[in-house]
Structures are given as C-alpha cells and as structure tokens.
Protein backbone atom coordinates (compact mmCIF):
# COMPACT_ATOMS: atom_id res chain seq x y z
CA UNK A 1 -68.61 -16.27 -20.65
CA UNK A 2 -66.46 -13.79 -22.10
CA UNK A 3 -62.15 -14.28 -22.22
CA UNK A 4 -59.63 -11.80 -22.85
CA UNK A 5 -56.49 -13.57 -24.17
CA UNK A 6 -53.52 -11.42 -23.88
CA UNK A 7 -49.69 -12.25 -24.76
CA UNK A 8 -46.44 -11.06 -25.75
CA UNK A 9 -46.29 -8.52 -23.27
CA UNK A 10 -42.57 -8.65 -23.34
CA UNK A 11 -42.35 -5.69 -20.22
CA UNK A 12 -44.17 -3.02 -21.86
CA UNK A 13 -46.05 -2.44 -18.83
CA UNK A 14 -48.16 0.82 -20.29
CA UNK A 15 -49.24 -1.25 -22.86
CA UNK A 16 -50.20 -3.97 -20.53
CA UNK A 17 -52.19 -1.50 -18.05
CA UNK A 18 -53.84 0.26 -21.18
CA UNK A 19 -55.17 -3.31 -22.40
CA UNK A 20 -56.31 -4.28 -18.80
CA UNK A 21 -58.43 -1.11 -18.61
CA UNK A 22 -59.78 -1.83 -22.07
CA UNK A 23 -60.06 -5.17 -20.96
CA UNK A 24 -62.36 -3.86 -18.04
CA UNK A 25 -64.70 -2.06 -20.35
CA UNK A 26 -65.01 -4.91 -22.57
CA UNK A 27 -66.79 -7.00 -19.43
CA UNK A 28 -64.70 -9.87 -19.72
CA UNK A 29 -65.47 -12.63 -16.90
CA UNK A 30 -61.65 -13.87 -17.15
CA UNK A 31 -58.43 -13.09 -18.53
CA UNK A 32 -55.99 -15.60 -20.33
CA UNK A 33 -52.33 -14.70 -20.56
CA UNK A 34 -50.70 -16.67 -23.30
CA UNK A 35 -46.85 -16.35 -22.51
CA UNK A 36 -43.98 -14.03 -22.90
CA UNK A 37 -45.11 -11.36 -20.50
CA UNK A 38 -40.84 -11.20 -20.32
CA UNK A 39 -38.22 -10.63 -21.27
CA UNK A 40 -38.31 -7.09 -22.11
CA UNK A 41 -37.70 -3.46 -20.38
CA UNK A 42 -40.24 -3.08 -17.55
CA UNK A 43 -40.52 -6.57 -16.42
CA UNK A 44 -41.26 -6.34 -12.59
CA UNK A 45 -43.70 -3.34 -12.99
CA UNK A 46 -45.44 -5.76 -15.83
CA UNK A 47 -45.65 -9.13 -13.62
CA UNK A 48 -46.80 -6.54 -10.97
CA UNK A 49 -49.85 -5.45 -12.50
CA UNK A 50 -50.52 -8.97 -13.55
CA UNK A 51 -50.50 -10.01 -10.39
CA UNK A 52 -52.83 -7.33 -9.04
CA UNK A 53 -55.48 -7.90 -11.81
CA UNK A 54 -58.41 -8.46 -10.20
CA UNK A 55 -60.14 -10.41 -13.04
CA UNK A 56 -60.37 -14.42 -12.90
CA UNK A 57 -56.74 -15.08 -14.54
CA UNK A 58 -55.11 -18.06 -16.15
CA UNK A 59 -51.55 -18.29 -17.18
CA UNK A 60 -49.77 -19.93 -20.07
CA UNK A 61 -46.05 -20.08 -20.15
CA UNK A 62 -44.35 -18.52 -23.67
CA UNK A 63 -40.76 -19.45 -24.77
CA UNK A 64 -39.87 -15.85 -22.95
CA UNK A 65 -40.60 -17.46 -19.23
CA UNK A 66 -39.20 -20.82 -19.86
CA UNK A 67 -35.88 -19.29 -20.81
CA UNK A 68 -35.83 -16.79 -17.67
CA UNK A 69 -36.89 -19.82 -15.43
CA UNK A 70 -34.10 -21.84 -16.58
CA UNK A 71 -31.67 -19.17 -16.06
CA UNK A 72 -32.77 -18.51 -12.58
CA UNK A 73 -32.30 -22.37 -12.09
CA UNK A 74 -28.83 -22.63 -13.19
CA UNK A 75 -30.42 -24.13 -16.67
CA UNK A 76 -28.80 -23.05 -19.92
CA UNK A 77 -31.32 -21.80 -21.72
CA UNK A 78 -32.20 -23.70 -24.82
CA UNK A 79 -32.22 -22.47 -28.78
CA UNK A 80 -31.67 -19.21 -27.29
CA UNK A 81 -29.33 -16.69 -29.99
CA UNK A 82 -26.19 -15.72 -27.84
CA UNK A 83 -27.24 -12.14 -29.05
CA UNK A 84 -30.82 -12.70 -26.55
CA UNK A 85 -28.55 -13.91 -23.68
CA UNK A 86 -28.16 -10.09 -22.00
CA UNK A 87 -31.61 -8.82 -22.32
CA UNK A 88 -32.31 -12.53 -20.81
CA UNK A 89 -30.06 -11.97 -18.02
CA UNK A 90 -30.81 -8.35 -17.74
CA UNK A 91 -34.35 -9.39 -17.12
CA UNK A 92 -33.88 -12.30 -14.51
CA UNK A 93 -32.13 -9.60 -12.26
CA UNK A 94 -35.02 -7.10 -12.43
CA UNK A 95 -37.33 -10.12 -11.25
CA UNK A 96 -37.89 -11.10 -7.36
CA UNK A 97 -38.53 -14.44 -6.40
CA UNK A 98 -42.02 -13.78 -6.14
CA UNK A 99 -42.28 -13.36 -10.16
CA UNK A 100 -39.86 -16.18 -10.51
CA UNK A 101 -42.09 -18.72 -8.44
CA UNK A 102 -45.37 -17.80 -10.39
CA UNK A 103 -43.34 -18.26 -13.85
CA UNK A 104 -42.23 -21.59 -12.98
CA UNK A 105 -46.05 -22.78 -12.24
CA UNK A 106 -47.20 -21.52 -15.76
CA UNK A 107 -48.56 -24.62 -17.91
CA UNK A 108 -47.96 -25.09 -21.78
CA UNK A 109 -51.80 -24.55 -22.27
CA UNK A 110 -55.30 -24.38 -20.76
CA UNK A 111 -58.29 -26.15 -21.91
CA UNK A 112 -62.06 -24.24 -21.17
CA UNK A 113 -65.19 -25.17 -22.40
CA UNK A 114 -66.94 -22.38 -23.68
CA UNK A 115 -70.69 -22.37 -24.21
CA UNK A 116 -71.56 -21.51 -27.83
CA UNK A 117 -68.11 -22.40 -29.02
CA UNK A 118 -66.49 -25.14 -27.80
CA UNK A 119 -63.71 -26.14 -26.09
CA UNK A 120 -61.39 -23.41 -26.10
CA UNK A 121 -57.39 -24.24 -25.86
CA UNK A 122 -54.97 -21.19 -25.29
CA UNK A 123 -51.16 -21.82 -25.92
CA UNK A 124 -48.39 -19.53 -26.60
CA UNK A 125 -46.92 -20.74 -29.81
CA UNK A 126 -48.46 -24.31 -30.46
CA UNK A 127 -50.20 -26.56 -28.19
CA UNK A 128 -46.78 -28.80 -28.22
CA UNK A 129 -44.04 -26.65 -28.23
CA UNK A 130 -43.92 -22.99 -27.21
CA UNK A 131 -41.15 -22.11 -29.92
CA UNK A 132 -42.96 -23.40 -33.27
CA UNK A 133 -43.64 -20.57 -35.58
CA UNK A 134 -46.35 -20.39 -37.73
CA UNK A 135 -48.45 -17.48 -39.50
CA UNK A 136 -51.57 -16.93 -41.56
CA UNK A 137 -49.27 -17.97 -44.81
CA UNK A 138 -48.08 -21.51 -43.38
CA UNK A 139 -50.01 -24.11 -45.69
CA UNK A 140 -52.68 -25.61 -43.75
CA UNK A 141 -51.30 -29.10 -44.42
CA UNK A 142 -48.47 -28.62 -42.42
CA UNK A 143 -50.36 -27.86 -39.29
CA UNK A 144 -52.78 -30.61 -39.51
CA UNK A 145 -50.72 -32.75 -37.29
CA UNK A 146 -50.66 -30.27 -34.55
CA UNK A 147 -54.05 -29.00 -34.29
CA UNK A 148 -56.47 -31.92 -35.56
CA UNK A 149 -55.26 -34.25 -32.39
CA UNK A 150 -56.80 -31.60 -30.08
CA UNK A 151 -60.06 -32.14 -31.16
CA UNK A 152 -60.88 -28.60 -30.00
CA UNK A 153 -63.09 -26.12 -32.07
CA UNK A 154 -60.90 -23.00 -31.11
CA UNK A 155 -56.99 -22.54 -30.56
CA UNK A 156 -56.00 -19.13 -29.52
CA UNK A 157 -52.05 -18.24 -29.60
CA UNK A 158 -49.67 -16.02 -29.70
CA UNK A 159 -45.84 -15.76 -30.44
CA UNK A 160 -45.46 -14.35 -33.97
CA UNK A 161 -46.73 -10.85 -32.72
CA UNK A 162 -48.90 -10.66 -35.56
CA UNK A 163 -53.16 -10.98 -35.69
CA UNK A 164 -55.09 -13.61 -38.02
CA UNK A 165 -57.71 -15.51 -37.90
CA UNK A 166 -57.81 -18.99 -40.18
CA UNK A 167 -58.79 -22.73 -40.27
CA UNK A 168 -56.95 -25.67 -39.98
CA UNK A 169 -59.14 -28.68 -40.54
CA UNK A 170 -62.43 -28.10 -38.40
CA UNK A 171 -60.42 -26.13 -35.82
CA UNK A 172 -60.35 -22.29 -36.06
CA UNK A 173 -56.99 -21.17 -34.87
CA UNK A 174 -56.63 -17.34 -34.14
CA UNK A 175 -53.40 -15.45 -33.25
CA UNK A 176 -54.32 -12.47 -30.50
CA UNK A 177 -51.34 -10.26 -31.52
CA UNK A 178 -48.87 -8.86 -28.98
CA UNK A 179 -49.64 -6.58 -26.18
CA UNK A 180 -46.16 -5.05 -26.01
CA UNK A 181 -44.35 -5.57 -29.33
CA UNK A 182 -46.68 -5.52 -32.30
CA UNK A 183 -45.06 -5.90 -35.90
CA UNK A 184 -47.66 -3.49 -37.80
CA UNK A 185 -49.90 -0.70 -36.94
CA UNK A 186 -48.82 0.60 -33.50
CA UNK A 187 -50.75 -0.40 -30.12
CA UNK A 188 -51.07 -3.23 -28.30
CA UNK A 189 -53.16 -6.09 -29.31
CA UNK A 190 -55.09 -8.87 -27.69
CA UNK A 191 -58.14 -10.88 -28.40
CA UNK A 192 -61.87 -11.39 -26.78
CA UNK A 193 -63.42 -14.56 -27.00
CA UNK A 194 -67.23 -14.57 -26.28
CA UNK A 195 -69.96 -17.24 -27.23
CA UNK A 196 -70.61 -15.13 -30.57
CA UNK A 197 -67.03 -16.02 -31.49
CA UNK A 198 -63.62 -14.01 -31.18
CA UNK A 199 -63.06 -10.35 -31.85
CA UNK A 200 -59.21 -9.21 -32.31
CA UNK A 201 -58.80 -6.00 -30.50
CA UNK A 202 -56.04 -2.89 -30.77
CA UNK A 203 -55.98 -0.92 -27.84
CA UNK A 204 -54.26 2.72 -28.19
CA UNK A 205 -52.00 4.02 -25.41
CA UNK A 206 -49.97 6.58 -24.61
CA UNK A 207 -46.65 5.61 -26.99
CA UNK A 208 -44.45 8.76 -25.96
CA UNK A 209 -44.30 8.03 -22.66
CA UNK A 210 -43.95 4.32 -22.76
CA UNK A 211 -41.16 5.02 -25.03
CA UNK A 212 -39.77 7.74 -22.61
CA UNK A 213 -40.44 4.18 -19.43
CA UNK A 214 -38.63 1.82 -21.93
CA UNK A 215 -35.42 3.91 -22.42
CA UNK A 216 -34.82 4.90 -18.87
CA UNK A 217 -35.26 1.19 -18.10
CA UNK A 218 -31.49 0.59 -18.78
CA UNK A 219 -32.94 -2.06 -21.03
CA UNK A 220 -30.42 -3.68 -22.75
CA UNK A 221 -32.05 -3.69 -26.27
CA UNK A 222 -33.94 -0.42 -26.93
CA UNK A 223 -33.71 -1.14 -30.57
CA UNK A 224 -36.18 -4.14 -30.40
CA UNK A 225 -38.66 -1.58 -28.55
CA UNK A 226 -39.57 0.79 -31.29
CA UNK A 227 -42.89 1.43 -29.93
CA UNK A 228 -43.98 3.98 -32.12
CA UNK A 229 -42.14 2.75 -35.65
CA UNK A 230 -42.25 -1.32 -35.46
CA UNK A 231 -41.43 -3.10 -38.40
CA UNK A 232 -43.81 -3.82 -40.59
CA UNK A 233 -46.45 -7.10 -41.18
CA UNK A 234 -45.12 -7.72 -44.12
CA UNK A 235 -41.41 -7.89 -43.43
CA UNK A 236 -41.87 -9.73 -40.39
CA UNK A 237 -44.04 -12.30 -42.29
CA UNK A 238 -41.33 -12.70 -44.99
CA UNK A 239 -38.81 -13.70 -42.02
CA UNK A 240 -41.39 -15.65 -39.92
CA UNK A 241 -42.21 -17.76 -42.41
CA UNK A 242 -38.99 -18.54 -43.50
CA UNK A 243 -38.74 -20.35 -40.30
CA UNK A 244 -41.95 -21.59 -40.43
CA UNK A 245 -42.94 -25.70 -39.60
CA UNK A 246 -41.88 -27.64 -42.28
C-alpha cells in the first residue's frame, strides 16, 4: 500500500491541483488529507478538487476546519487572534453547506495498518490537539508523553508548514510540510508513505498563475500568501520554537 499525505493547503487550489497530479503519477493507493484545507483564498475550489478526487480519501481536521465549523455553528472559535478573524469569516462566506457538512465529519486522527511499516497515525498538529506546536528542534523529552502512548511506529503530521523526519522514542514522526503555504523554498510539499518508508516530496507548479488567482480572489490576507517568496525556514523555526510544547 502507498499512501499520500497532504496538508495545510490553505485554499491554494493551484498548488493542490499540481500535487494531486503528482500523487496520481506516484501510484498512491490512498490520499490522507491532514487538515487545514482552509482558511485561504480559494476555499471552495480547494474543497471541490478534493471532493472530486478519484483516489480513496481519508480526512483529518486541522485547527482551520475546527474554527470555520465553529463560526458556522454560531460558536466563538477558540484561540483565534483577532487579526485572523476577517480571513475566517471571509472563508466561511465562500463555502457551501456540502463543504461545511464534510468538514464537520472529519476526525482528529486516522490510524491505518501499513504492511512493512506498522500502524500509521495521521494527525494535523499532534494526536491529542490540532493546535499544538513542535518542530524538528523541539527536545525529544518534551514530546515523549505525546507520542509514546500511541504505540504507533509512524506518525505523519503538518501544522507548522515545514517538512522534517525525526524520532521520538520508538516513533518515527514526519511532518509532510504544506501544500499551499510552505515556509522555505517555494513549491507544494507532501509525503508519500510506502512499505519501504517515507519520502518527502516537493511539487513544482505555476507560481505566477497561482499568485494571480490568489490576488483576484479578494482574500483579506494576501500578504500571507507570498507563494513566490515565502518566509524562510530559519525565520519560522525561531518563531515557532518559541511557542513549542513545554
């Protein structure tokens, strides 16, 4: 079995389309979407692309979906900075009832037995919380209580938009990176899990076209979507590690 894990699309439909074409070429048997399809500039298009995908699909919610569904239900999203509220409300206005019903049914984790690998657990941030932050620099001792109880050989996550591959105790923990809003070299990042292990992938796509579509969308946070010159990994590691699990 070969499983493609994609996450942190953030409404970047052009990047998503390119990755799914690459996934098709990889002969993956299944696609697991590990959260944060939204918010972002082309949320309905991104959901439509996923819902039309012919691969078997599994879905995990990220903090983005949790916040959007909360808004839709008239609830106050948790831990959302005031500056992020306009982008959430704008995203919600672009989604239809089918999109929202689908998101509301997504789970926090999926667990899949993988021949030659062991149990694969896919989550957005950590298996216990879709908002927790850790990076490749976070000391292992802080993470053992998160991953040891799973009894899983492999965990694939996202949330921090940077790929890594590390061990926490006896668990291999891989970040698939971000399809739509990566930190580091431009492109669309994802992971391919197969019996031989995990391959971290980067798909090239038309950044000029994507930038034009994003700017034309009316999304209220265009500076957050500099697909041609995203923040460097070093910059974001410093910021995110300051907020990492203690």
